[in-house]
Structure formats: structure tokens, C-alpha cells
């Protein structure tokens, strides 16, 4: 089968489109024929091996443990392993698999669920990690609260705007000029173009997906008992990267009235099922910016890395 492959850490040039052996499902696993795979900012970090903290988190010290990158996917069950009873070949699913940048991927049956009936494979592949991150970050939002989504036009941000709105919050989206219309179309009550106007006011909940604002600045826009959720982030150097800001937030939080925390989300099956319900009910719609062929995965990652993508980017085998 065709797949994107890397033998070591480095710039995106280490990725190549090559032939690899098709995997076989083991006990409790399914083989998925990948119809589309989502592209997340984390793929760049996992390719470069920076920050170095990533290597200590089980991804391989000197070289990647898994030669094929990719996590989000949507596709069709090709084969089931021993003990799998909830799926059969031909079922359409979405979820996660280690190595989704390939024509086929093996994953635990517990990591995929039936695909939303009203989505294409490309749309469904844009859901798992980003939408689950937004859902887990905003779980405690309740009606009447004021919520600010920083990076509202990005992969996580586009879901966060819709989910916060569905939970009854008054939603403000902070984004660049090119993304204001998209964020407004997703239901944001207010949209702030950070290139043209300053951010004002205080919020009960801030979900920061952009990752470059100091904690002191963010806290100024929180209510005295407000909650800050940090998702990802850049900066912080080659060793710990954006995690440095998350660690500072965790250390400071016990000593202030505000809740400051980082979020390292996973795409759990129960969250995927909840998102499927919200999607089929029309409360959430994936925003897909562009679709690239799998052979152009490097260009897709560069597009995400540029910060210009409006919503999600997807690759298709």
C-alpha cells in the first residue's frame, strides 16, 4: 500500500510517499481502508522531534517509533480481528489510528465509531482530535457565561465556537482578518480581528488555541473566578516548547482565584459518539479549508503550519 513514511526526525523533507506492507488486524483491532485523514499542527512537531519533550513521551528518542504519521481518519472497515463484534467489513467509521497517512491503517476497535450519516469522509476525518479537544475543554460551560475562543478560525477553534454556542454561552471569537467571516458564520456573537482592534472585556471562560499570549495578559481578560484552558502552544524553546506556558499555568493556579489549566486531549469513543449526535442534529459542522492528495501531505502540513488554514485540512489517499 502507499503511505507517508519517515525514517528519522527532521524537517518535512524527511517525509516521503512510498510503498509499505499493509498491516493486519490483531485481537480487538480493525483494519480501516482510509478514505481521508485529518492534518493537525502536532504532526509537524512529531516529524521534527521538537520540542525534545515529545521524544520522552513515548514517540522515540533517536527516531520515531512509528514510521507512518497521522492520527485522525475516516474510512471503511476492511477486516476485523479476533474478538471484534461491534463492526463488520463495509461499516463506515471515523476516529483515530496511529499511522493514518496511508491507504490502510490498523487501530483498536474502541478508537473508532460509526461515521455521522450526514458527513462526507473528508468532513468526518476533520473531526476526531480537534473536536474532542474543544469538547473536553468546554465541558463545564453553562448557559449565560461569556466565552472567548482565541484562534477561533483554526482547527480546534472552529469547533470550540460552535460547541460553546450549543452550550448556551455568549461567544466571542478572536482571529485574523481572513477568518472573521468564517467565525461569524459558525455562530460567534462577537468577532474580534486581532490585527485591527484590541481585545477588551472579561470572560468566564477562555479557550486559548493560539498559544503565544502571556499568562498575565490572559488573566486580565478573565473574571475573578474565571477559567483559562490552554490548548497546545508554541514558543518555550526546543526542549519543552509550548508546554512551558502550560506548566506555569498549573503552578500558578492554586494560588489565584482563577482556574488555569492545560488540556492534553484524546479522542475518546464516548466523545466521538457525542459529537456524532451533535453533528447529525446540526449543532456542529466541520469547517474544511482544503483537501490535498496523500502524496502532497508535506504541502498539507506546510499549509497548516502557515496558520492560514480556515478550519481543518485533510489528505485523501
Protein backbone atom coordinates (compact mmCIF):
# COMPACT_ATOMS: atom_id res chain seq x y z
CA UNK A 1 0.00 0.00 0.00
CA UNK A 2 1.01 3.65 -0.34
CA UNK A 3 1.81 5.68 2.76
CA UNK A 4 3.74 8.67 4.03
CA UNK A 5 6.90 7.35 5.69
CA UNK A 6 9.76 8.79 7.77
CA UNK A 7 12.92 7.06 8.99
CA UNK A 8 14.08 9.75 11.40
CA UNK A 9 13.32 13.16 12.85
CA UNK A 10 13.98 16.28 10.81
CA UNK A 11 12.40 18.87 8.51
CA UNK A 12 9.36 17.97 6.45
CA UNK A 13 11.69 16.75 3.71
CA UNK A 14 12.20 13.54 5.74
CA UNK A 15 8.65 12.54 4.77
CA UNK A 16 8.30 10.51 1.60
CA UNK A 17 5.43 8.88 -0.31
CA UNK A 18 6.36 5.21 -0.52
CA UNK A 19 5.20 1.61 -0.60
CA UNK A 20 4.86 -0.22 2.72
CA UNK A 21 3.37 -3.53 3.76
CA UNK A 22 -0.34 -3.47 4.50
CA UNK A 23 -0.94 -4.12 8.23
CA UNK A 24 -3.16 -6.90 9.54
CA UNK A 25 -5.54 -6.52 12.49
CA UNK A 26 -4.78 -8.37 15.71
CA UNK A 27 -7.17 -9.28 18.53
CA UNK A 28 -9.57 -6.42 19.26
CA UNK A 29 -8.39 -4.47 16.21
CA UNK A 30 -9.86 -3.45 12.87
CA UNK A 31 -8.24 -2.71 9.53
CA UNK A 32 -9.63 0.50 8.06
CA UNK A 33 -9.41 1.46 4.41
CA UNK A 34 -8.60 5.13 4.89
CA UNK A 35 -10.76 7.44 2.79
CA UNK A 36 -9.48 10.65 4.42
CA UNK A 37 -7.09 11.67 7.20
CA UNK A 38 -7.00 14.91 9.18
CA UNK A 39 -3.88 17.08 9.45
CA UNK A 40 -3.09 18.57 12.87
CA UNK A 41 -0.32 21.01 13.92
CA UNK A 42 1.12 18.26 16.12
CA UNK A 43 2.25 16.35 13.01
CA UNK A 44 4.97 18.95 12.41
CA UNK A 45 6.26 18.51 15.96
CA UNK A 46 6.18 14.72 15.67
CA UNK A 47 8.08 14.95 12.38
CA UNK A 48 10.75 17.35 13.62
CA UNK A 49 11.02 15.77 17.06
CA UNK A 50 10.80 19.22 18.63
CA UNK A 51 10.31 20.17 21.34
CA UNK A 52 12.51 17.37 22.63
CA UNK A 53 9.98 16.66 25.37
CA UNK A 54 7.93 14.88 22.69
CA UNK A 55 10.61 12.22 22.39
CA UNK A 56 10.34 11.48 26.10
CA UNK A 57 6.59 10.96 25.80
CA UNK A 58 6.94 7.59 24.09
CA UNK A 59 7.43 8.70 20.49
CA UNK A 60 11.07 7.58 20.25
CA UNK A 61 14.29 9.19 21.46
CA UNK A 62 16.50 8.94 18.36
CA UNK A 63 13.93 8.16 15.70
CA UNK A 64 10.14 7.89 15.52
CA UNK A 65 8.77 4.62 16.87
CA UNK A 66 6.08 4.65 14.19
CA UNK A 67 7.29 5.22 10.62
CA UNK A 68 3.86 6.34 9.32
CA UNK A 69 2.46 9.58 10.80
CA UNK A 70 -1.16 10.64 11.11
CA UNK A 71 -3.91 10.16 13.69
CA UNK A 72 -7.38 11.29 12.56
CA UNK A 73 -9.16 9.19 9.97
CA UNK A 74 -12.45 8.32 8.33
CA UNK A 75 -12.91 5.24 6.22
CA UNK A 76 -14.42 1.81 5.74
CA UNK A 77 -13.80 -1.32 7.80
CA UNK A 78 -11.85 -3.70 5.56
CA UNK A 79 -11.19 -6.51 8.03
CA UNK A 80 -11.84 -7.27 11.69
CA UNK A 81 -9.55 -9.03 14.13
CA UNK A 82 -10.44 -11.79 16.60
CA UNK A 83 -12.88 -10.72 19.29
CA UNK A 84 -14.36 -7.74 17.43
CA UNK A 85 -18.14 -7.96 17.42
CA UNK A 86 -19.34 -4.35 17.07
CA UNK A 87 -18.16 -3.88 13.48
CA UNK A 88 -18.23 -5.79 10.24
CA UNK A 89 -16.45 -5.23 6.90
CA UNK A 90 -18.08 -2.39 4.98
CA UNK A 91 -19.00 -0.29 8.02
CA UNK A 92 -18.18 3.42 7.66
CA UNK A 93 -16.29 4.76 10.69
CA UNK A 94 -14.29 7.71 11.97
CA UNK A 95 -11.85 8.06 14.84
CA UNK A 96 -8.11 7.69 15.34
CA UNK A 97 -5.35 5.30 14.32
CA UNK A 98 -1.60 5.55 14.69
CA UNK A 99 -0.43 5.86 11.09
CA UNK A 100 -3.49 7.25 9.31
CA UNK A 101 -1.43 8.82 6.49
CA UNK A 102 -1.78 5.62 4.48
CA UNK A 103 -4.23 3.72 2.31
CA UNK A 104 -4.92 1.34 5.21
CA UNK A 105 -4.50 1.64 8.97
CA UNK A 106 -4.94 -0.75 11.89
CA UNK A 107 -6.46 0.52 15.12
CA UNK A 108 -8.23 -0.75 18.22
CA UNK A 109 -11.95 -1.21 17.61
CA UNK A 110 -12.55 1.05 20.62
CA UNK A 111 -10.92 4.00 18.83
CA UNK A 112 -13.47 4.28 16.02
CA UNK A 113 -17.25 4.74 15.95
CA UNK A 114 -19.83 4.84 13.14
CA UNK A 115 -19.39 7.86 10.89
CA UNK A 116 -22.02 10.64 11.06
CA UNK A 117 -24.53 9.87 8.34
CA UNK A 118 -24.62 13.46 7.08
CA UNK A 119 -20.86 13.91 6.60
CA UNK A 120 -18.51 13.07 3.76
CA UNK A 121 -15.38 11.11 4.61
CA UNK A 122 -13.36 14.31 4.23
CA UNK A 123 -15.57 16.13 6.73
CA UNK A 124 -15.57 13.21 9.16
CA UNK A 125 -11.76 12.96 9.11
CA UNK A 126 -11.62 16.59 10.22
CA UNK A 127 -13.49 15.83 13.44
CA UNK A 128 -11.77 13.46 15.91
CA UNK A 129 -8.85 15.13 17.70
CA UNK A 130 -9.77 18.78 17.14
CA UNK A 131 -13.46 18.45 18.01
CA UNK A 132 -12.76 16.21 21.01
CA UNK A 133 -10.24 18.76 22.26
CA UNK A 134 -12.82 21.55 22.04
CA UNK A 135 -15.49 19.37 23.67
CA UNK A 136 -13.28 18.35 26.58
CA UNK A 137 -12.07 21.91 27.10
CA UNK A 138 -15.56 23.39 27.20
CA UNK A 139 -17.34 20.61 29.06
CA UNK A 140 -18.17 22.80 32.09
CA UNK A 141 -19.52 25.79 30.15
CA UNK A 142 -23.12 26.59 31.03
CA UNK A 143 -25.79 28.94 29.66
CA UNK A 144 -25.25 32.65 30.13
CA UNK A 145 -21.48 32.51 30.52
CA UNK A 146 -19.20 34.64 28.38
CA UNK A 147 -16.71 32.50 26.46
CA UNK A 148 -13.70 33.69 24.48
CA UNK A 149 -12.11 31.43 21.86
CA UNK A 150 -8.60 32.52 20.87
CA UNK A 151 -7.66 31.12 17.48
CA UNK A 152 -11.34 30.79 16.59
CA UNK A 153 -10.65 30.23 12.90
CA UNK A 154 -8.36 27.23 13.37
CA UNK A 155 -8.96 23.51 13.66
CA UNK A 156 -9.88 23.40 17.36
CA UNK A 157 -11.25 26.94 17.38
CA UNK A 158 -13.93 26.37 14.76
CA UNK A 159 -15.35 23.54 16.83
CA UNK A 160 -14.99 25.48 20.08
CA UNK A 161 -17.11 28.36 18.76
CA UNK A 162 -19.92 26.00 17.78
CA UNK A 163 -19.79 23.91 20.94
CA UNK A 164 -19.71 26.91 23.28
CA UNK A 165 -22.70 28.33 21.42
CA UNK A 166 -24.54 24.99 21.64
CA UNK A 167 -23.92 25.02 25.41
CA UNK A 168 -25.63 28.40 25.71
CA UNK A 169 -22.64 30.71 26.11
CA UNK A 170 -22.21 34.18 24.65
CA UNK A 171 -19.26 33.51 22.35
CA UNK A 172 -16.52 35.88 21.23
CA UNK A 173 -14.08 34.61 18.62
CA UNK A 174 -10.60 36.11 18.27
CA UNK A 175 -8.98 35.55 14.88
CA UNK A 176 -7.19 37.16 11.94
CA UNK A 177 -8.86 39.30 9.27
CA UNK A 178 -9.08 36.47 6.74
CA UNK A 179 -11.05 34.27 9.14
CA UNK A 180 -13.61 36.71 10.57
CA UNK A 181 -16.41 35.78 8.17
CA UNK A 182 -15.92 32.07 8.81
CA UNK A 183 -16.01 32.55 12.59
CA UNK A 184 -19.12 34.70 12.32
CA UNK A 185 -20.80 32.06 10.14
CA UNK A 186 -20.14 29.44 12.82
CA UNK A 187 -22.33 31.33 15.28
CA UNK A 188 -19.97 33.62 17.20
CA UNK A 189 -21.88 36.50 18.82
CA UNK A 190 -18.85 38.78 18.53
CA UNK A 191 -15.74 38.51 16.38
CA UNK A 192 -12.53 40.39 17.19
CA UNK A 193 -9.92 40.84 14.46
CA UNK A 194 -6.72 40.95 16.49
CA UNK A 195 -4.88 42.63 13.61
CA UNK A 196 -7.21 45.63 13.67
CA UNK A 197 -8.61 46.03 17.16
CA UNK A 198 -7.60 45.31 20.76
CA UNK A 199 -9.32 42.68 22.86
CA UNK A 200 -11.44 44.16 25.64
CA UNK A 201 -13.75 42.88 28.35
CA UNK A 202 -13.68 39.94 30.74
CA UNK A 203 -14.80 36.38 30.20
CA UNK A 204 -15.91 33.48 32.35
CA UNK A 205 -14.09 31.00 30.11
CA UNK A 206 -11.14 31.49 27.78
CA UNK A 207 -10.04 28.68 25.48
CA UNK A 208 -6.66 29.62 24.02
CA UNK A 209 -5.64 27.60 20.98
CA UNK A 210 -3.15 30.14 19.61
CA UNK A 211 -0.51 29.69 22.29
CA UNK A 212 1.54 32.87 22.19
CA UNK A 213 -0.02 35.22 24.74
CA UNK A 214 1.50 35.65 28.22
CA UNK A 215 -0.49 34.30 31.16
CA UNK A 216 -0.57 37.77 32.72
CA UNK A 217 -2.34 39.15 29.66
CA UNK A 218 -4.84 36.31 29.52
CA UNK A 219 -5.66 36.64 33.21
CA UNK A 220 -6.55 40.31 32.70
CA UNK A 221 -9.40 39.16 30.47
CA UNK A 222 -10.68 36.54 32.91
CA UNK A 223 -13.33 37.20 35.55
CA UNK A 224 -12.06 36.77 39.14
CA UNK A 225 -13.37 33.19 39.21
CA UNK A 226 -12.94 32.51 35.51
CA UNK A 227 -11.33 29.52 33.82
CA UNK A 228 -8.47 29.53 31.31
CA UNK A 229 -7.89 26.43 29.20
CA UNK A 230 -4.64 26.30 27.23
CA UNK A 231 -4.55 24.01 24.20
CA UNK A 232 -1.17 23.32 22.64
CA UNK A 233 1.03 26.31 22.04
CA UNK A 234 4.29 27.42 20.51
CA UNK A 235 7.44 29.05 21.85
CA UNK A 236 9.18 27.94 25.02
CA UNK A 237 12.34 26.74 23.28
CA UNK A 238 13.46 23.47 21.71
CA UNK A 239 13.30 21.43 24.91
CA UNK A 240 9.78 21.91 26.33
CA UNK A 241 8.16 24.17 23.72
CA UNK A 242 4.64 25.43 24.38
CA UNK A 243 4.32 23.07 27.34
CA UNK A 244 6.32 25.63 29.36
CA UNK A 245 3.36 28.01 29.46
CA UNK A 246 1.01 25.20 30.43
CA UNK A 247 3.31 24.22 33.30
CA UNK A 248 3.45 27.82 34.53
CA UNK A 249 -0.35 27.96 34.48
CA UNK A 250 -0.61 24.75 36.52
CA UNK A 251 1.89 26.04 39.09
CA UNK A 252 0.14 29.40 39.43
CA UNK A 253 -3.46 28.17 39.53
CA UNK A 254 -3.55 27.02 43.20
CA UNK A 255 -2.53 30.50 44.35
CA UNK A 256 -5.11 32.58 42.47
CA UNK A 257 -8.90 32.64 42.35
CA UNK A 258 -8.95 31.79 38.66
CA UNK A 259 -8.61 28.26 37.29
CA UNK A 260 -5.65 27.99 34.93
CA UNK A 261 -5.05 24.67 33.23
CA UNK A 262 -3.67 22.99 30.18
CA UNK A 263 -5.52 20.42 28.13
CA UNK A 264 -3.95 17.35 26.55
CA UNK A 265 -6.98 15.77 24.96
CA UNK A 266 -7.55 12.33 23.47
CA UNK A 267 -10.28 11.27 21.08
CA UNK A 268 -12.34 9.00 23.35
CA UNK A 269 -15.09 6.87 21.86
CA UNK A 270 -17.76 8.36 24.14
CA UNK A 271 -16.81 11.86 22.98
CA UNK A 272 -16.86 10.79 19.34
CA UNK A 273 -20.37 9.40 19.84
CA UNK A 274 -21.49 12.66 21.47
CA UNK A 275 -20.00 14.65 18.61
CA UNK A 276 -21.73 12.40 16.07
CA UNK A 277 -25.06 13.20 17.75
CA UNK A 278 -24.35 16.95 17.71
CA UNK A 279 -23.29 16.77 14.06
CA UNK A 280 -26.33 14.78 12.98
CA UNK A 281 -28.56 17.21 14.92
CA UNK A 282 -26.98 20.13 13.03
CA UNK A 283 -25.39 21.79 16.07
CA UNK A 284 -21.83 21.25 14.81
CA UNK A 285 -20.46 21.29 11.26
CA UNK A 286 -16.81 20.64 10.34
CA UNK A 287 -15.10 23.54 8.59
CA UNK A 288 -12.76 22.02 5.99
CA UNK A 289 -10.39 24.52 4.40
CA UNK A 290 -8.63 22.35 1.83
CA UNK A 291 -8.18 18.74 0.80
CA UNK A 292 -4.82 17.51 -0.51
CA UNK A 293 -3.94 14.15 -2.06
CA UNK A 294 -1.94 11.94 0.32
CA UNK A 295 1.06 12.25 -1.99
CA UNK A 296 1.06 16.00 -1.21
CA UNK A 297 0.94 15.54 2.57
CA UNK A 298 4.03 17.72 3.01
CA UNK A 299 2.22 20.62 1.31
CA UNK A 300 -0.81 19.99 3.53
CA UNK A 301 1.32 20.12 6.69
CA UNK A 302 3.03 23.31 5.48
CA UNK A 303 -0.37 24.89 4.88
CA UNK A 304 -1.46 24.09 8.44
CA UNK A 305 1.89 25.28 9.78
CA UNK A 306 1.48 28.62 7.98
CA UNK A 307 -1.55 29.48 10.11
CA UNK A 308 -3.53 30.40 7.01
CA UNK A 309 -5.90 27.43 7.08
CA UNK A 310 -9.51 28.34 7.85
CA UNK A 311 -10.65 25.34 9.83
CA UNK A 312 -9.24 21.90 9.08
CA UNK A 313 -7.01 20.45 6.38
CA UNK A 314 -7.47 16.88 5.14
CA UNK A 315 -5.50 14.44 2.96
CA UNK A 316 -7.05 11.68 0.85
CA UNK A 317 -5.32 8.51 -0.45
